[in-house]
Protein backbone atom coordinates (compact mmCIF):
# COMPACT_ATOMS: atom_id res chain seq x y z
CA MET A 1 -0.02 0.00 -0.05
CA THR A 2 1.17 3.50 -0.86
CA GLU A 3 0.47 5.56 2.30
CA LEU A 4 1.32 8.65 4.33
CA LYS A 5 4.65 8.52 6.07
CA TYR A 6 3.39 9.46 9.51
CA THR A 7 0.48 8.96 11.77
CA TYR A 8 -2.60 10.67 10.40
CA THR A 9 -4.36 13.53 12.25
CA SER A 10 -6.17 12.36 15.40
CA VAL A 11 -8.67 13.91 17.91
CA SER A 12 -8.97 12.84 21.50
CA ASP A 13 -12.47 12.60 22.88
CA ASN A 14 -12.81 11.30 26.45
CA GLY A 15 -9.53 9.38 26.05
CA ARG A 16 -10.32 7.79 22.76
CA ALA A 17 -8.32 8.85 19.66
CA SER A 18 -10.08 9.07 16.35
CA TYR A 19 -8.82 8.53 12.86
CA GLY A 20 -9.25 12.06 11.61
CA GLY A 21 -11.87 14.50 12.65
CA ASN A 22 -15.52 13.74 13.00
CA GLN A 23 -18.16 16.29 12.06
CA THR A 24 -20.74 14.76 14.27
CA LYS A 25 -18.67 15.76 17.37
CA SER A 26 -18.79 19.40 16.43
CA ASP A 27 -20.48 21.90 18.82
CA SER A 28 -21.75 23.84 15.69
CA ALA A 29 -25.07 22.77 14.26
CA VAL A 30 -24.13 23.67 10.70
CA ILE A 31 -20.78 21.97 10.90
CA LYS A 32 -22.31 18.88 12.47
CA LYS A 33 -24.87 18.74 9.62
CA CYS A 34 -22.76 19.44 6.57
CA GLY A 35 -19.18 20.10 7.65
CA CYS A 36 -17.39 17.11 6.08
CA GLY A 37 -15.42 19.49 3.82
CA ILE A 38 -14.25 21.66 6.75
CA VAL A 39 -13.15 18.51 8.64
CA ALA A 40 -11.24 17.34 5.63
CA ALA A 41 -9.55 20.70 5.30
CA ALA A 42 -8.67 20.90 8.95
CA ASP A 43 -7.21 17.45 9.06
CA LEU A 44 -5.12 18.24 6.06
CA ILE A 45 -3.76 21.54 7.52
CA ILE A 46 -2.98 19.92 10.83
CA TYR A 47 -1.04 17.13 9.12
CA LEU A 48 0.90 19.48 6.84
CA THR A 49 1.55 21.95 9.64
CA SER A 50 2.95 19.37 12.00
CA GLY A 51 5.08 17.97 9.19
CA GLY A 52 3.27 14.70 9.77
CA LYS A 53 4.97 14.42 13.08
CA ALA A 54 2.23 15.25 15.55
CA SER A 55 3.09 13.24 18.69
CA SER A 56 -0.38 13.24 20.30
CA PRO A 57 -4.02 13.70 19.25
CA VAL A 58 -5.56 17.17 19.29
CA SER A 59 -8.18 17.63 22.02
CA LEU A 60 -11.72 17.77 20.86
CA THR A 61 -12.13 21.25 22.43
CA GLN A 62 -9.20 22.62 20.42
CA TYR A 63 -10.26 20.92 17.28
CA ASN A 64 -13.76 22.34 17.45
CA GLU A 65 -12.45 25.68 17.93
CA PHE A 66 -10.26 25.34 14.93
CA LEU A 67 -13.29 24.12 12.94
CA ARG A 68 -15.33 27.17 13.86
CA PHE A 69 -12.39 29.47 12.98
CA LEU A 70 -12.02 27.85 9.53
CA ASN A 71 -15.83 28.17 9.00
CA ARG A 72 -15.74 31.94 9.83
CA ARG A 73 -12.69 32.89 7.83
CA TYR A 74 -12.17 30.44 5.00
CA PHE A 75 -15.01 27.91 4.43
CA PRO A 76 -18.51 29.25 4.57
CA LEU A 77 -21.19 26.58 4.54
CA ILE A 78 -24.60 26.65 3.07
CA PRO A 79 -27.04 24.98 5.55
CA LYS A 80 -28.10 21.50 4.29
CA LEU A 81 -25.85 21.82 1.20
CA GLY A 82 -22.43 22.16 2.70
CA MET A 83 -19.51 23.39 0.53
CA ASN A 84 -18.76 22.92 -3.14
CA PRO A 85 -15.27 22.21 -4.50
CA ILE A 86 -14.71 25.72 -5.67
CA VAL A 87 -15.10 27.12 -2.13
CA LEU A 88 -12.98 24.31 -0.69
CA THR A 89 -10.21 24.96 -3.14
CA ALA A 90 -10.29 28.73 -2.77
CA GLY A 91 -10.45 28.54 1.04
CA LEU A 92 -7.36 26.27 1.17
CA ASN A 93 -5.31 28.43 -1.19
CA LEU A 94 -6.22 31.52 0.89
CA TYR A 95 -5.19 29.76 4.03
CA PHE A 96 -1.95 28.62 2.56
CA LYS A 97 -1.26 32.18 1.39
CA ASN A 98 -2.11 33.73 4.73
CA ARG A 99 -0.04 31.33 6.66
CA LYS A 100 2.86 31.43 4.20
CA MET A 101 2.52 27.64 3.53
CA GLU A 102 4.24 26.61 0.35
CA TYR A 103 1.36 24.71 -1.15
CA SER A 104 -1.30 25.21 -3.76
CA ALA A 105 -4.64 23.43 -4.27
CA MET A 106 -6.49 22.55 -7.45
CA TRP A 107 -9.65 20.52 -7.97
CA GLN A 108 -8.34 17.80 -10.20
CA ALA A 109 -10.09 16.38 -13.31
CA SER A 110 -11.13 12.80 -12.66
CA GLY A 111 -11.02 9.83 -14.95
CA GLU A 112 -8.82 6.78 -15.31
CA LYS A 113 -5.81 8.71 -14.00
CA LEU A 114 -7.51 9.56 -10.64
CA PHE A 115 -6.08 6.62 -8.64
CA ALA A 116 -2.58 7.27 -10.01
CA ARG A 117 -2.83 10.90 -8.97
CA ILE A 118 -4.05 9.84 -5.46
CA GLU A 119 -1.00 7.47 -5.25
CA GLN A 120 1.39 10.16 -6.35
CA GLN A 121 0.13 12.67 -3.78
CA LEU A 122 0.33 10.13 -1.00
CA SER A 123 3.88 9.17 -2.00
CA ASP A 124 4.68 12.94 -1.58
CA ASP A 125 3.25 12.55 2.02
CA ILE A 126 0.24 14.78 1.41
CA PRO A 127 -3.32 13.58 2.38
CA VAL A 128 -5.78 13.56 -0.40
CA ILE A 129 -9.26 15.10 0.05
CA MET A 130 -11.64 13.35 -2.28
CA SER A 131 -15.44 13.53 -2.80
CA VAL A 132 -18.06 10.93 -3.19
CA GLY A 133 -20.34 12.88 -5.40
CA GLN A 134 -23.90 13.82 -5.22
CA ASN A 135 -26.38 11.80 -7.46
CA PHE A 136 -26.40 13.58 -10.77
CA PRO A 137 -28.34 14.65 -12.80
CA CYS A 138 -31.08 13.07 -10.70
CA ILE A 139 -30.08 14.82 -7.57
CA TRP A 140 -33.15 13.66 -5.66
CA LYS A 141 -32.22 10.02 -5.82
CA LYS A 142 -30.51 8.20 -2.92
CA ASN A 143 -27.85 5.97 -4.49
CA LYS A 144 -24.78 5.73 -2.19
CA LEU A 145 -21.30 4.29 -2.38
CA ASP A 146 -20.47 1.47 0.09
CA LEU A 147 -17.73 2.02 2.70
CA TYR A 148 -15.94 -0.82 4.39
CA THR A 149 -14.01 -1.68 7.60
CA LYS A 150 -11.13 -4.20 7.43
CA SER A 151 -10.75 -7.24 9.64
CA GLY A 152 -7.67 -9.22 8.69
CA ASP A 153 -7.95 -9.75 4.89
CA THR A 154 -11.76 -9.33 4.94
CA TYR A 155 -13.59 -6.07 4.03
CA ILE A 156 -16.96 -5.57 5.73
CA LYS A 157 -19.65 -3.17 4.58
CA THR A 158 -20.04 -0.72 7.28
CA ALA A 159 -21.42 2.53 6.02
CA SER A 160 -22.46 4.36 2.77
CA ALA A 161 -22.13 7.85 1.50
CA LYS A 162 -23.02 10.43 -1.18
CA ALA A 163 -22.23 14.11 -1.43
CA HIS A 164 -19.50 13.55 1.12
CA TYR A 165 -15.85 14.59 1.40
CA VAL A 166 -13.42 11.96 2.74
CA THR A 167 -9.59 11.94 2.99
CA ALA A 168 -7.43 9.24 1.46
CA THR A 169 -4.49 8.06 3.52
CA GLY A 170 -3.54 4.99 1.68
CA ILE A 171 -4.13 3.17 -1.63
CA ASP A 172 -3.35 -0.33 -3.00
CA GLU A 173 -4.40 -2.30 -6.04
CA ASN A 174 -8.11 -2.62 -4.98
CA TYR A 175 -8.84 -0.26 -2.09
CA ILE A 176 -8.51 3.27 -0.96
CA ARG A 177 -8.06 3.70 2.85
CA ILE A 178 -9.91 6.84 3.94
CA SER A 179 -10.74 8.87 7.05
CA SER A 180 -14.49 9.65 7.45
CA TRP A 181 -16.47 10.47 10.66
CA GLY A 182 -13.29 9.89 12.72
CA ARG A 183 -13.06 6.26 11.37
CA GLU A 184 -10.60 4.26 9.32
CA LEU A 185 -12.73 3.08 6.30
CA TYR A 186 -12.15 1.71 2.84
CA ILE A 187 -13.48 2.48 -0.68
CA GLU A 188 -13.36 -0.31 -3.32
CA LYS A 189 -11.86 1.31 -6.42
CA TYR A 190 -14.06 -0.49 -8.93
CA GLU A 191 -17.19 0.39 -6.97
CA PHE A 192 -16.12 4.00 -6.83
CA MET A 193 -15.74 4.16 -10.60
CA SER A 194 -19.04 2.36 -11.14
CA TYR A 195 -20.79 4.78 -8.78
CA MET A 196 -19.23 7.86 -10.68
CA LYS A 197 -20.30 6.58 -14.01
CA MET A 198 -23.80 5.22 -13.08
CA TYR A 199 -25.01 7.67 -10.47
CA SER A 200 -22.88 10.78 -10.27
CA ALA A 201 -20.29 12.59 -12.45
CA GLY A 202 -16.54 12.86 -12.88
CA VAL A 203 -16.26 16.43 -11.64
CA LEU A 204 -18.20 15.55 -8.53
CA CYS A 205 -16.34 12.25 -7.76
CA ASN A 206 -12.91 13.82 -7.76
CA MET A 207 -9.83 14.88 -5.67
CA LEU A 208 -8.09 17.98 -4.40
CA LYS A 209 -4.64 18.06 -5.88
CA ILE A 210 -2.18 19.67 -3.41
CA SER A 211 1.22 20.61 -4.79
CA ARG A 212 4.30 21.99 -3.07
CA LYS A 213 5.51 25.26 -4.62
């Protein structure tokens, strides 16, 4: 598996360490409802800022304060709709500029090269924010992509998602390891492409390309 070099961003809640942030733990109603994009951005920023060497989880109180700050300054949310990729990309680029971080963000065109681009970014030790797109053009439909947990060599269907940002932390021949809702989950690559072609669209099932300047 191609994966990040260091331990991924973690949040401590009552002594339990999560795998990435969890929007449902937010003390903001709008973030709790549709803040998956802000959580993905926060986890990315924390990982890059620490150089991937954070020695201990961030406390839930500190993490929620950071989410509210990002929401106010960089990532406005539309209630019930969340945040589109343009706002996510612009917000991250503004944050990088203001904090003098030598990175740039671009919403990358999807397609057959998507997995190779995810692998390349992870090999550069940069987490990959990716999206499981909304149903399109039939946006009222409820088709979802299955998400899995791993037990030994077995993958078990655990959850499902649509119109949802996740963060890839590893990729192999068949699966993408992701952080979502504070959990380590997996996406089956063939199922992701099938979902994109049958129920969504390439621009919606995509990734945020982060490059070092």
